[in-house]
Amino acid sequence: MQYRELGRTGYKVSTISFGAWAIGSTWGTVDDKESMAALHKALDCGVNFFDTADVYGDGHSERLLAQLRKERSEKFYVATKAGRRLNPHVPSGFTRENLTAFVERSLKNLETDSLDLIQLHCPPTEVLYMPEVFGILDDLVKAGKLKNYGVSVEKVEEALKAIEYPNVKTIQIIFNIFRQRPSDLFFEQAIKKKVGVLARLPLSSGMLSGKFTSNSTFESTDHRAFNRDGAGFDKGETFSGLDYETGLRAVESLRKIIPSEMTMAEFALRWILMFPAITCAIPGAKRPSQVEENVRAADLPEIPEAVMRQVEALYNEQVKAHVHHLW
């Protein structure tokens, strides 16, 4: 495993970390015994950073991580998120009372006195133009409830606005072979301001595992079945916002580029780590075998520049027109 500095947090985190959305909800059936086995396997493999949210299984994902802390002695960091519990999810809901309540609930779920990192969970764009919200987070840091805070965003515009606030230490953003826009401008600014960047949906909801076909099916509780057109939340969270059949065609083109010694998933994760602005990729896993495949990418050799250019050309020719201008 390799490790990188997470912005100005003082944490050194595994470049392949663990996204805990899948063990909480909306990725089909999950089994807690298997989920715990996956979490233990992650620690065994050197993972020391876990990303979750208070809405993943209504806090279930956070509680599993609390259980992991009880069962293991290793030091690891947990990043959670807040804000999506609001109904309706509108800017006026980002009050001191609500944010404090969300933090207290996560503290209880995670069975800790202070959160390593909390991220506003894809807030409406207008929230990023409300300095009072970040003042509330500053006060929660002063009170010892939080050690650090950041923002999980949908759009590059939101990421650029968020890092204008001096105490925003991390940005979580969708970045993968099918969503390359963050590398245009945002990465340069993140490096300049020493902001940690967490790449979520690194495998494009599994599309970049190369295991799906036009006949693949998903359970009704899986966002890959119900959210392709944005029925549940932002469309960009499912297959990177790319039409399913378009994604499959791009995957077939990608197969011709990948070095023979790598699986597609390994290649997709290693590609992300080629960007110095990235602190870590946070692929999800529901089973130990998935964890093992994910973490192998951390120690793979660099991808040759010629291959990186081929990936860029594929994106420009087959994907860019569908997603680049939207997020």
C-alpha atoms as a PDB file:
ATOM      1  CA  MET A   1       0.000   0.000   0.000  1.00  0.00           C
ATOM      2  CA  GLN A   2       1.090   3.567  -0.697  1.00  0.00           C
ATOM      3  CA  TYR A   3       0.142   6.627   1.366  1.00  0.00           C
ATOM      4  CA  ARG A   4      -0.303  10.327   0.611  1.00  0.00           C
ATOM      5  CA  GLU A   5      -0.853  13.443   2.706  1.00  0.00           C
ATOM      6  CA  LEU A   6      -4.536  14.380   2.959  1.00  0.00           C
ATOM      7  CA  GLY A   7      -4.258  18.101   2.351  1.00  0.00           C
ATOM      8  CA  ARG A   8      -3.618  20.033   5.557  1.00  0.00           C
ATOM      9  CA  THR A   9      -5.280  17.520   7.896  1.00  0.00           C
ATOM     10  CA  GLY A  10      -2.004  15.994   9.032  1.00  0.00           C
ATOM     11  CA  TYR A  11      -3.309  12.558   8.033  1.00  0.00           C
ATOM     12  CA  LYS A  12      -1.350  10.254   5.765  1.00  0.00           C
ATOM     13  CA  VAL A  13      -3.920   8.001   4.110  1.00  0.00           C
ATOM     14  CA  SER A  14      -3.889   4.961   1.872  1.00  0.00           C
ATOM     15  CA  THR A  15      -4.084   5.821  -1.821  1.00  0.00           C
ATOM     16  CA  ILE A  16      -6.718   3.121  -2.236  1.00  0.00           C
ATOM     17  CA  SER A  17      -9.202   3.636   0.551  1.00  0.00           C
ATOM     18  CA  PHE A  18     -12.640   2.187   1.310  1.00  0.00           C
ATOM     19  CA  GLY A  19     -15.948   3.698   0.218  1.00  0.00           C
ATOM     20  CA  ALA A  20     -18.669   2.485   2.590  1.00  0.00           C
ATOM     21  CA  TRP A  21     -21.753   3.517   0.577  1.00  0.00           C
ATOM     22  CA  ALA A  22     -22.242  -0.023  -0.737  1.00  0.00           C
ATOM     23  CA  ILE A  23     -22.285  -1.646   2.717  1.00  0.00           C
ATOM     24  CA  GLY A  24     -24.939   0.813   3.854  1.00  0.00           C
ATOM     25  CA  SER A  25     -27.600   1.019   1.169  1.00  0.00           C
ATOM     26  CA  THR A  26     -28.738   1.432  -2.473  1.00  0.00           C
ATOM     27  CA  TRP A  27     -26.298  -1.088  -3.945  1.00  0.00           C
ATOM     28  CA  GLY A  28     -28.563  -4.105  -3.700  1.00  0.00           C
ATOM     29  CA  THR A  29     -28.563  -6.757  -0.993  1.00  0.00           C
ATOM     30  CA  VAL A  30     -25.853  -6.562   1.652  1.00  0.00           C
ATOM     31  CA  ASP A  31     -24.899  -8.994   4.389  1.00  0.00           C
ATOM     32  CA  ASP A  32     -23.392  -7.505   7.554  1.00  0.00           C
ATOM     33  CA  LYS A  33     -21.129 -10.495   8.162  1.00  0.00           C
ATOM     34  CA  GLU A  34     -19.691 -10.152   4.674  1.00  0.00           C
ATOM     35  CA  SER A  35     -19.461  -6.369   5.032  1.00  0.00           C
ATOM     36  CA  MET A  36     -17.463  -6.739   8.248  1.00  0.00           C
ATOM     37  CA  ALA A  37     -15.202  -9.281   6.567  1.00  0.00           C
ATOM     38  CA  ALA A  38     -14.576  -6.730   3.792  1.00  0.00           C
ATOM     39  CA  LEU A  39     -13.743  -4.018   6.339  1.00  0.00           C
ATOM     40  CA  HIS A  40     -11.324  -6.328   8.159  1.00  0.00           C
ATOM     41  CA  LYS A  41      -9.713  -7.318   4.853  1.00  0.00           C
ATOM     42  CA  ALA A  42      -9.204  -3.618   4.051  1.00  0.00           C
ATOM     43  CA  LEU A  43      -7.265  -3.109   7.278  1.00  0.00           C
ATOM     44  CA  ASP A  44      -5.293  -6.287   6.606  1.00  0.00           C
ATOM     45  CA  CYS A  45      -4.282  -4.805   3.237  1.00  0.00           C
ATOM     46  CA  GLY A  46      -3.087  -1.498   4.688  1.00  0.00           C
ATOM     47  CA  VAL A  47      -6.187   0.635   4.112  1.00  0.00           C
ATOM     48  CA  ASN A  48      -6.434   3.287   6.827  1.00  0.00           C
ATOM     49  CA  PHE A  49      -9.133   5.615   5.478  1.00  0.00           C
ATOM     50  CA  PHE A  50     -12.852   4.837   5.281  1.00  0.00           C
ATOM     51  CA  ASP A  51     -15.448   7.129   3.729  1.00  0.00           C
ATOM     52  CA  THR A  52     -19.074   6.926   4.837  1.00  0.00           C
ATOM     53  CA  ALA A  53     -22.150   9.129   5.391  1.00  0.00           C
ATOM     54  CA  ASP A  54     -24.972   9.446   7.870  1.00  0.00           C
ATOM     55  CA  VAL A  55     -27.524   8.499   5.202  1.00  0.00           C
ATOM     56  CA  TYR A  56     -25.863   5.262   4.109  1.00  0.00           C
ATOM     57  CA  GLY A  57     -28.390   2.828   5.505  1.00  0.00           C
ATOM     58  CA  ASP A  58     -29.643   5.600   7.823  1.00  0.00           C
ATOM     59  CA  GLY A  59     -26.389   5.425   9.779  1.00  0.00           C
ATOM     60  CA  HIS A  60     -25.867   1.676   9.407  1.00  0.00           C
ATOM     61  CA  SER A  61     -22.573   2.136   7.570  1.00  0.00           C
ATOM     62  CA  GLU A  62     -21.270   4.392  10.348  1.00  0.00           C
ATOM     63  CA  ARG A  63     -22.255   1.809  12.977  1.00  0.00           C
ATOM     64  CA  LEU A  64     -20.378  -0.938  11.137  1.00  0.00           C
ATOM     65  CA  LEU A  65     -17.262   1.217  11.236  1.00  0.00           C
ATOM     66  CA  ALA A  66     -17.747   1.743  14.976  1.00  0.00           C
ATOM     67  CA  GLN A  67     -17.848  -2.035  15.315  1.00  0.00           C
ATOM     68  CA  LEU A  68     -14.619  -2.297  13.312  1.00  0.00           C
ATOM     69  CA  ARG A  69     -12.919   0.085  15.747  1.00  0.00           C
ATOM     70  CA  LYS A  70     -13.926  -2.166  18.634  1.00  0.00           C
ATOM     71  CA  GLU A  71     -12.615  -5.283  16.917  1.00  0.00           C
ATOM     72  CA  ARG A  72      -9.256  -3.930  15.728  1.00  0.00           C
ATOM     73  CA  SER A  73      -6.403  -2.097  17.387  1.00  0.00           C
ATOM     74  CA  GLU A  74      -5.000  -0.387  14.275  1.00  0.00           C
ATOM     75  CA  LYS A  75      -5.329   3.367  13.887  1.00  0.00           C
ATOM     76  CA  PHE A  76      -7.568   4.372  10.995  1.00  0.00           C
ATOM     77  CA  TYR A  77      -9.483   7.457   9.911  1.00  0.00           C
ATOM     78  CA  VAL A  78     -13.202   7.756   9.207  1.00  0.00           C
ATOM     79  CA  ALA A  79     -14.640  10.496   7.033  1.00  0.00           C
ATOM     80  CA  THR A  80     -18.398  10.911   7.192  1.00  0.00           C
ATOM     81  CA  LYS A  81     -20.856  13.326   5.601  1.00  0.00           C
ATOM     82  CA  ALA A  82     -23.781  15.475   6.667  1.00  0.00           C
ATOM     83  CA  GLY A  83     -26.629  17.372   5.060  1.00  0.00           C
ATOM     84  CA  ARG A  84     -28.516  14.806   3.009  1.00  0.00           C
ATOM     85  CA  ARG A  85     -30.806  14.021   5.928  1.00  0.00           C
ATOM     86  CA  LEU A  86     -32.560  17.306   5.218  1.00  0.00           C
ATOM     87  CA  ASN A  87     -35.993  16.872   3.683  1.00  0.00           C
ATOM     88  CA  PRO A  88     -36.364  18.954   1.660  1.00  0.00           C
ATOM     89  CA  HIS A  89     -32.661  19.212   0.856  1.00  0.00           C
ATOM     90  CA  VAL A  90     -32.603  23.003   0.515  1.00  0.00           C
ATOM     91  CA  PRO A  91     -30.118  25.744   1.496  1.00  0.00           C
ATOM     92  CA  SER A  92     -32.321  27.101   4.288  1.00  0.00           C
ATOM     93  CA  GLY A  93     -31.934  23.783   6.108  1.00  0.00           C
ATOM     94  CA  PHE A  94     -28.196  24.277   6.667  1.00  0.00           C
ATOM     95  CA  THR A  95     -28.710  25.863  10.072  1.00  0.00           C
ATOM     96  CA  ARG A  96     -26.648  25.667  13.244  1.00  0.00           C
ATOM     97  CA  GLU A  97     -29.343  23.537  14.867  1.00  0.00           C
ATOM     98  CA  ASN A  98     -29.520  21.034  12.013  1.00  0.00           C
ATOM     99  CA  LEU A  99     -25.784  20.729  11.375  1.00  0.00           C
ATOM    100  CA  THR A 100     -25.093  20.297  15.095  1.00  0.00           C
ATOM    101  CA  ALA A 101     -27.759  17.588  15.311  1.00  0.00           C
ATOM    102  CA  PHE A 102     -26.259  15.755  12.315  1.00  0.00           C
ATOM    103  CA  VAL A 103     -22.800  15.879  13.864  1.00  0.00           C
ATOM    104  CA  GLU A 104     -24.068  14.630  17.234  1.00  0.00           C
ATOM    105  CA  ARG A 105     -25.857  11.734  15.534  1.00  0.00           C
ATOM    106  CA  SER A 106     -22.688  10.715  13.640  1.00  0.00           C
ATOM    107  CA  LEU A 107     -20.661  10.951  16.847  1.00  0.00           C
ATOM    108  CA  LYS A 108     -23.131   8.558  18.448  1.00  0.00           C
ATOM    109  CA  ASN A 109     -23.167   6.167  15.467  1.00  0.00           C
ATOM    110  CA  LEU A 110     -19.374   6.109  15.267  1.00  0.00           C
ATOM    111  CA  GLU A 111     -19.045   5.938  19.062  1.00  0.00           C
ATOM    112  CA  THR A 112     -16.446   8.672  19.228  1.00  0.00           C
ATOM    113  CA  ASP A 113     -16.013  12.088  20.831  1.00  0.00           C
ATOM    114  CA  SER A 114     -14.654  13.850  17.755  1.00  0.00           C
ATOM    115  CA  LEU A 115     -15.040  13.205  14.016  1.00  0.00           C
ATOM    116  CA  ASP A 116     -11.811  12.853  12.010  1.00  0.00           C
ATOM    117  CA  LEU A 117     -13.392  14.541   8.993  1.00  0.00           C
ATOM    118  CA  ILE A 118     -16.910  15.589   8.099  1.00  0.00           C
ATOM    119  CA  GLN A 119     -17.954  16.654   4.626  1.00  0.00           C
ATOM    120  CA  LEU A 120     -21.015  18.595   3.583  1.00  0.00           C
ATOM    121  CA  HIS A 121     -22.820  15.969   1.516  1.00  0.00           C
ATOM    122  CA  CYS A 122     -23.347  17.349  -1.997  1.00  0.00           C
ATOM    123  CA  PRO A 123     -25.081  20.498  -0.745  1.00  0.00           C
ATOM    124  CA  PRO A 124     -27.126  22.672  -3.099  1.00  0.00           C
ATOM    125  CA  THR A 125     -24.777  25.030  -4.942  1.00  0.00           C
ATOM    126  CA  GLU A 126     -26.219  28.044  -3.095  1.00  0.00           C
ATOM    127  CA  VAL A 127     -24.877  26.694   0.227  1.00  0.00           C
ATOM    128  CA  LEU A 128     -21.345  27.258  -1.040  1.00  0.00           C
ATOM    129  CA  TYR A 129     -22.180  30.959  -1.246  1.00  0.00           C
ATOM    130  CA  MET A 130     -23.290  31.037   2.421  1.00  0.00           C
ATOM    131  CA  PRO A 131     -20.212  31.804   4.573  1.00  0.00           C
ATOM    132  CA  GLU A 132     -22.283  31.414   7.734  1.00  0.00           C
ATOM    133  CA  VAL A 133     -22.483  27.649   7.086  1.00  0.00           C
ATOM    134  CA  PHE A 134     -18.699  27.386   7.186  1.00  0.00           C
ATOM    135  CA  GLY A 135     -18.675  29.540  10.310  1.00  0.00           C
ATOM    136  CA  ILE A 136     -20.875  26.920  11.981  1.00  0.00           C
ATOM    137  CA  LEU A 137     -18.387  24.214  10.993  1.00  0.00           C
ATOM    138  CA  ASP A 138     -15.542  26.340  12.385  1.00  0.00           C
ATOM    139  CA  ASP A 139     -17.415  26.563  15.693  1.00  0.00           C
ATOM    140  CA  LEU A 140     -17.892  22.786  15.772  1.00  0.00           C
ATOM    141  CA  VAL A 141     -14.133  22.374  15.289  1.00  0.00           C
ATOM    142  CA  LYS A 142     -13.501  24.806  18.161  1.00  0.00           C
ATOM    143  CA  ALA A 143     -15.924  22.817  20.317  1.00  0.00           C
ATOM    144  CA  GLY A 144     -13.932  19.652  19.628  1.00  0.00           C
ATOM    145  CA  LYS A 145     -16.758  17.889  17.805  1.00  0.00           C
ATOM    146  CA  LEU A 146     -14.803  17.850  14.516  1.00  0.00           C
ATOM    147  CA  LYS A 147     -11.121  17.710  13.742  1.00  0.00           C
ATOM    148  CA  ASN A 148     -11.455  18.705  10.069  1.00  0.00           C
ATOM    149  CA  TYR A 149     -14.121  19.462   7.495  1.00  0.00           C
ATOM    150  CA  GLY A 150     -14.519  19.435   3.733  1.00  0.00           C
ATOM    151  CA  VAL A 151     -17.171  19.274   1.036  1.00  0.00           C
ATOM    152  CA  SER A 152     -18.390  16.494  -1.223  1.00  0.00           C
ATOM    153  CA  VAL A 153     -19.529  18.078  -4.479  1.00  0.00           C
ATOM    154  CA  GLU A 154     -21.231  17.231  -7.748  1.00  0.00           C
ATOM    155  CA  LYS A 155     -19.747  19.966  -9.921  1.00  0.00           C
ATOM    156  CA  VAL A 156     -16.308  21.442 -10.540  1.00  0.00           C
ATOM    157  CA  GLU A 157     -17.830  24.902 -10.033  1.00  0.00           C
ATOM    158  CA  GLU A 158     -18.807  23.866  -6.503  1.00  0.00           C
ATOM    159  CA  ALA A 159     -15.348  22.484  -5.764  1.00  0.00           C
ATOM    160  CA  LEU A 160     -13.666  25.711  -6.849  1.00  0.00           C
ATOM    161  CA  LYS A 161     -16.033  27.776  -4.714  1.00  0.00           C
ATOM    162  CA  ALA A 162     -15.657  25.520  -1.666  1.00  0.00           C
ATOM    163  CA  ILE A 163     -11.877  25.822  -1.516  1.00  0.00           C
ATOM    164  CA  GLU A 164     -12.172  29.591  -1.250  1.00  0.00           C
ATOM    165  CA  TYR A 165     -13.034  28.972   2.410  1.00  0.00           C
ATOM    166  CA  PRO A 166      -9.722  28.757   4.277  1.00  0.00           C
ATOM    167  CA  ASN A 167     -10.642  25.847   6.550  1.00  0.00           C
ATOM    168  CA  VAL A 168     -12.024  23.539   3.866  1.00  0.00           C
ATOM    169  CA  LYS A 169      -9.320  20.873   3.878  1.00  0.00           C
ATOM    170  CA  THR A 170     -10.768  18.260   1.526  1.00  0.00           C
ATOM    171  CA  ILE A 171     -12.929  17.981  -1.562  1.00  0.00           C
ATOM    172  CA  GLN A 172     -14.606  14.771  -2.585  1.00  0.00           C
ATOM    173  CA  ILE A 173     -15.519  14.688  -6.261  1.00  0.00           C
ATOM    174  CA  ILE A 174     -16.400  12.164  -8.951  1.00  0.00           C
ATOM    175  CA  PHE A 175     -13.246  11.520 -10.932  1.00  0.00           C
ATOM    176  CA  ASN A 176     -12.588   8.547 -13.163  1.00  0.00           C
ATOM    177  CA  ILE A 177     -11.787   7.684 -16.782  1.00  0.00           C
ATOM    178  CA  PHE A 178     -15.356   8.691 -17.718  1.00  0.00           C
ATOM    179  CA  ARG A 179     -15.392  11.937 -15.674  1.00  0.00           C
ATOM    180  CA  GLN A 180     -12.175  13.819 -16.369  1.00  0.00           C
ATOM    181  CA  ARG A 181     -13.200  17.471 -16.061  1.00  0.00           C
ATOM    182  CA  PRO A 182     -11.778  17.998 -12.534  1.00  0.00           C
ATOM    183  CA  SER A 183      -8.268  17.674 -14.001  1.00  0.00           C
ATOM    184  CA  ASP A 184      -8.802  20.701 -16.264  1.00  0.00           C
ATOM    185  CA  LEU A 185      -8.554  23.436 -13.615  1.00  0.00           C
ATOM    186  CA  PHE A 186      -9.641  22.222 -10.210  1.00  0.00           C
ATOM    187  CA  PHE A 187      -6.635  19.976  -9.570  1.00  0.00           C
ATOM    188  CA  GLU A 188      -4.229  22.855 -10.138  1.00  0.00           C
ATOM    189  CA  GLN A 189      -6.105  24.986  -7.604  1.00  0.00           C
ATOM    190  CA  ALA A 190      -6.338  22.146  -5.082  1.00  0.00           C
ATOM    191  CA  ILE A 191      -2.563  21.655  -5.180  1.00  0.00           C
ATOM    192  CA  LYS A 192      -2.028  25.394  -4.799  1.00  0.00           C
ATOM    193  CA  LYS A 193      -4.239  25.504  -1.688  1.00  0.00           C
ATOM    194  CA  LYS A 194      -3.038  22.162  -0.292  1.00  0.00           C
ATOM    195  CA  VAL A 195      -6.525  20.665  -0.341  1.00  0.00           C
ATOM    196  CA  GLY A 196      -6.898  16.887  -0.188  1.00  0.00           C
ATOM    197  CA  VAL A 197      -8.858  15.388  -3.087  1.00  0.00           C
ATOM    198  CA  LEU A 198     -10.907  12.204  -2.653  1.00  0.00           C
ATOM    199  CA  ALA A 199     -11.919  10.536  -5.918  1.00  0.00           C
ATOM    200  CA  ARG A 200     -15.309   8.928  -5.506  1.00  0.00           C
ATOM    201  CA  LEU A 201     -17.020   6.507  -7.900  1.00  0.00           C
ATOM    202  CA  PRO A 202     -13.566   5.656  -9.260  1.00  0.00           C
ATOM    203  CA  LEU A 203     -14.968   2.631 -11.098  1.00  0.00           C
ATOM    204  CA  SER A 204     -17.991   4.527 -12.444  1.00  0.00           C
ATOM    205  CA  SER A 205     -20.515   2.486 -10.426  1.00  0.00           C
ATOM    206  CA  GLY A 206     -18.755  -0.699 -11.511  1.00  0.00           C
ATOM    207  CA  MET A 207     -18.845   0.088 -15.225  1.00  0.00           C
ATOM    208  CA  LEU A 208     -15.048   0.324 -15.206  1.00  0.00           C
ATOM    209  CA  SER A 209     -14.743  -3.143 -13.710  1.00  0.00           C
ATOM    210  CA  GLY A 210     -15.415  -4.376 -17.251  1.00  0.00           C
ATOM    211  CA  LYS A 211     -17.805  -7.012 -15.898  1.00  0.00           C
ATOM    212  CA  PHE A 212     -21.118  -5.611 -17.142  1.00  0.00           C
ATOM    213  CA  THR A 213     -22.913  -6.432 -20.391  1.00  0.00           C
ATOM    214  CA  SER A 214     -26.109  -5.257 -22.041  1.00  0.00           C
ATOM    215  CA  ASN A 215     -27.816  -8.186 -20.278  1.00  0.00           C
ATOM    216  CA  SER A 216     -26.634  -7.318 -16.759  1.00  0.00           C
ATOM    217  CA  THR A 217     -29.441  -6.716 -14.277  1.00  0.00           C
ATOM    218  CA  PHE A 218     -29.571  -4.859 -10.962  1.00  0.00           C
ATOM    219  CA  GLU A 219     -31.860  -5.229  -7.965  1.00  0.00           C
ATOM    220  CA  SER A 220     -34.659  -2.686  -7.580  1.00  0.00           C
ATOM    221  CA  THR A 221     -32.903  -1.334  -4.448  1.00  0.00           C
ATOM    222  CA  ASP A 222     -29.705  -0.684  -6.432  1.00  0.00           C
ATOM    223  CA  HIS A 223     -29.249   2.888  -7.673  1.00  0.00           C
ATOM    224  CA  ARG A 224     -27.870   1.446 -10.910  1.00  0.00           C
ATOM    225  CA  ALA A 225     -31.424   0.296 -11.604  1.00  0.00           C
ATOM    226  CA  PHE A 226     -33.483   3.246 -10.345  1.00  0.00           C
ATOM    227  CA  ASN A 227     -31.276   6.324 -10.727  1.00  0.00           C
ATOM    228  CA  ARG A 228     -30.028   6.224 -14.319  1.00  0.00           C
ATOM    229  CA  ASP A 229     -32.152   9.265 -15.143  1.00  0.00           C
ATOM    230  CA  GLY A 230     -31.722  10.950 -11.765  1.00  0.00           C
ATOM    231  CA  ALA A 231     -34.939   9.697 -10.145  1.00  0.00           C
ATOM    232  CA  GLY A 232     -33.333   9.300  -6.706  1.00  0.00           C
ATOM    233  CA  PHE A 233     -30.473  11.828  -6.668  1.00  0.00           C
ATOM    234  CA  ASP A 234     -28.045  13.468  -9.068  1.00  0.00           C
ATOM    235  CA  LYS A 235     -27.828  11.441 -12.286  1.00  0.00           C
ATOM    236  CA  GLY A 236     -24.057  11.872 -12.301  1.00  0.00           C
ATOM    237  CA  GLU A 237     -23.756   9.546  -9.283  1.00  0.00           C
ATOM    238  CA  THR A 238     -24.810   6.558 -11.419  1.00  0.00           C
ATOM    239  CA  PHE A 239     -22.393   5.372 -14.135  1.00  0.00           C
ATOM    240  CA  SER A 240     -20.864   8.888 -14.017  1.00  0.00           C
ATOM    241  CA  GLY A 241     -23.999  10.200 -15.727  1.00  0.00           C
ATOM    242  CA  LEU A 242     -23.172   8.238 -18.854  1.00  0.00           C
ATOM    243  CA  ASP A 243     -25.874   6.339 -20.703  1.00  0.00           C
ATOM    244  CA  TYR A 244     -25.444   2.628 -19.942  1.00  0.00           C
ATOM    245  CA  GLU A 245     -24.984   1.436 -23.536  1.00  0.00           C
ATOM    246  CA  THR A 246     -22.608   4.329 -24.293  1.00  0.00           C
ATOM    247  CA  GLY A 247     -20.585   3.282 -21.261  1.00  0.00           C
ATOM    248  CA  LEU A 248     -20.418  -0.320 -22.438  1.00  0.00           C
ATOM    249  CA  ARG A 249     -19.114   0.761 -25.857  1.00  0.00           C
ATOM    250  CA  ALA A 250     -16.442   2.931 -24.249  1.00  0.00           C
ATOM    251  CA  VAL A 251     -15.418   0.012 -22.015  1.00  0.00           C
ATOM    252  CA  GLU A 252     -14.905  -2.184 -25.073  1.00  0.00           C
ATOM    253  CA  SER A 253     -12.618   0.463 -26.571  1.00  0.00           C
ATOM    254  CA  LEU A 254     -10.761   0.718 -23.272  1.00  0.00           C
ATOM    255  CA  ARG A 255     -10.022  -3.015 -23.294  1.00  0.00           C
ATOM    256  CA  LYS A 256      -7.710  -2.442 -26.280  1.00  0.00           C
ATOM    257  CA  ILE A 257      -5.640   0.064 -24.301  1.00  0.00           C
ATOM    258  CA  ILE A 258      -5.120  -1.687 -20.967  1.00  0.00           C
ATOM    259  CA  PRO A 259      -1.725  -3.331 -20.375  1.00  0.00           C
ATOM    260  CA  SER A 260      -2.043  -7.119 -20.273  1.00  0.00           C
ATOM    261  CA  GLU A 261      -0.793  -7.382 -16.698  1.00  0.00           C
ATOM    262  CA  MET A 262      -3.690  -5.297 -15.296  1.00  0.00           C
ATOM    263  CA  THR A 263      -7.395  -5.958 -14.903  1.00  0.00           C
ATOM    264  CA  MET A 264      -9.671  -3.164 -16.031  1.00  0.00           C
ATOM    265  CA  ALA A 265     -10.524  -2.229 -12.432  1.00  0.00           C
ATOM    266  CA  GLU A 266      -6.852  -2.126 -11.472  1.00  0.00           C
ATOM    267  CA  PHE A 267      -6.080   0.031 -14.489  1.00  0.00           C
ATOM    268  CA  ALA A 268      -8.956   2.424 -13.769  1.00  0.00           C
ATOM    269  CA  LEU A 269      -7.790   2.918 -10.187  1.00  0.00           C
ATOM    270  CA  ARG A 270      -4.111   3.251 -11.098  1.00  0.00           C
ATOM    271  CA  TRP A 271      -5.060   5.808 -13.765  1.00  0.00           C
ATOM    272  CA  ILE A 272      -6.616   8.004 -11.055  1.00  0.00           C
ATOM    273  CA  LEU A 273      -3.467   7.791  -8.934  1.00  0.00           C
ATOM    274  CA  MET A 274      -1.405   9.119 -11.837  1.00  0.00           C
ATOM    275  CA  PHE A 275      -2.718  12.602 -10.951  1.00  0.00           C
ATOM    276  CA  PRO A 276      -0.626  14.242  -8.173  1.00  0.00           C
ATOM    277  CA  ALA A 277      -3.616  16.259  -6.916  1.00  0.00           C
ATOM    278  CA  ILE A 278      -5.411  13.065  -5.922  1.00  0.00           C
ATOM    279  CA  THR A 279      -4.930  11.916  -2.346  1.00  0.00           C
ATOM    280  CA  CYS A 280      -6.855   8.685  -2.694  1.00  0.00           C
ATOM    281  CA  ALA A 281      -9.480   6.802  -4.642  1.00  0.00           C
ATOM    282  CA  ILE A 282     -12.349   5.418  -2.580  1.00  0.00           C
ATOM    283  CA  PRO A 283     -13.820   2.406  -4.381  1.00  0.00           C
ATOM    284  CA  GLY A 284     -16.644   0.612  -2.631  1.00  0.00           C
ATOM    285  CA  ALA A 285     -16.609  -3.058  -1.705  1.00  0.00           C
ATOM    286  CA  LYS A 286     -19.139  -5.481  -0.240  1.00  0.00           C
ATOM    287  CA  ARG A 287     -16.865  -8.544  -0.182  1.00  0.00           C
ATOM    288  CA  PRO A 288     -13.241  -9.245   0.800  1.00  0.00           C
ATOM    289  CA  SER A 289     -12.394 -10.347  -2.755  1.00  0.00           C
ATOM    290  CA  GLN A 290     -13.405  -6.913  -4.062  1.00  0.00           C
ATOM    291  CA  VAL A 291     -11.175  -5.241  -1.497  1.00  0.00           C
ATOM    292  CA  GLU A 292      -8.222  -7.377  -2.547  1.00  0.00           C
ATOM    293  CA  GLU A 293      -8.631  -6.474  -6.208  1.00  0.00           C
ATOM    294  CA  ASN A 294      -9.035  -2.782  -5.428  1.00  0.00           C
ATOM    295  CA  VAL A 295      -5.946  -2.464  -3.231  1.00  0.00           C
ATOM    296  CA  ARG A 296      -3.655  -4.133  -5.761  1.00  0.00           C
ATOM    297  CA  ALA A 297      -3.839  -0.952  -7.811  1.00  0.00           C
ATOM    298  CA  ALA A 298      -1.912   1.011  -5.168  1.00  0.00           C
ATOM    299  CA  ASP A 299       1.335  -0.840  -5.850  1.00  0.00           C
ATOM    300  CA  LEU A 300       1.146  -1.129  -9.626  1.00  0.00           C
ATOM    301  CA  PRO A 301       3.784   0.647 -11.740  1.00  0.00           C
ATOM    302  CA  GLU A 302       3.048   3.993 -13.350  1.00  0.00           C
ATOM    303  CA  ILE A 303       0.993   3.954 -16.531  1.00  0.00           C
ATOM    304  CA  PRO A 304       3.116   4.980 -19.537  1.00  0.00           C
ATOM    305  CA  GLU A 305       2.492   8.469 -20.899  1.00  0.00           C
ATOM    306  CA  ALA A 306       1.524   7.076 -24.317  1.00  0.00           C
ATOM    307  CA  VAL A 307      -1.220   4.991 -22.687  1.00  0.00           C
ATOM    308  CA  MET A 308      -2.442   7.995 -20.696  1.00  0.00           C
ATOM    309  CA  ARG A 309      -2.784   9.888 -23.980  1.00  0.00           C
ATOM    310  CA  GLN A 310      -4.796   7.026 -25.457  1.00  0.00           C
ATOM    311  CA  VAL A 311      -7.212   7.186 -22.514  1.00  0.00           C
ATOM    312  CA  GLU A 312      -7.564  10.922 -22.986  1.00  0.00           C
ATOM    313  CA  ALA A 313      -8.309  10.439 -26.687  1.00  0.00           C
ATOM    314  CA  LEU A 314     -10.938   7.800 -25.886  1.00  0.00           C
ATOM    315  CA  TYR A 315     -12.608  10.192 -23.437  1.00  0.00           C
ATOM    316  CA  ASN A 316     -12.578  13.040 -25.952  1.00  0.00           C
ATOM    317  CA  GLU A 317     -14.020  10.900 -28.732  1.00  0.00           C
ATOM    318  CA  GLN A 318     -16.631   8.794 -26.939  1.00  0.00           C
ATOM    319  CA  VAL A 319     -17.491  10.285 -23.554  1.00  0.00           C
ATOM    320  CA  LYS A 320     -16.775  13.997 -23.236  1.00  0.00           C
ATOM    321  CA  ALA A 321     -19.811  15.282 -25.159  1.00  0.00           C
ATOM    322  CA  HIS A 322     -22.146  13.357 -22.835  1.00  0.00           C
ATOM    323  CA  VAL A 323     -20.834  14.466 -19.430  1.00  0.00           C
ATOM    324  CA  HIS A 324     -18.141  17.142 -19.522  1.00  0.00           C
ATOM    325  CA  HIS A 325     -20.357  20.230 -19.660  1.00  0.00           C
ATOM    326  CA  LEU A 326     -22.843  18.957 -17.056  1.00  0.00           C
ATOM    327  CA  TRP A 327     -20.610  18.545 -14.018  1.00  0.00           C
END
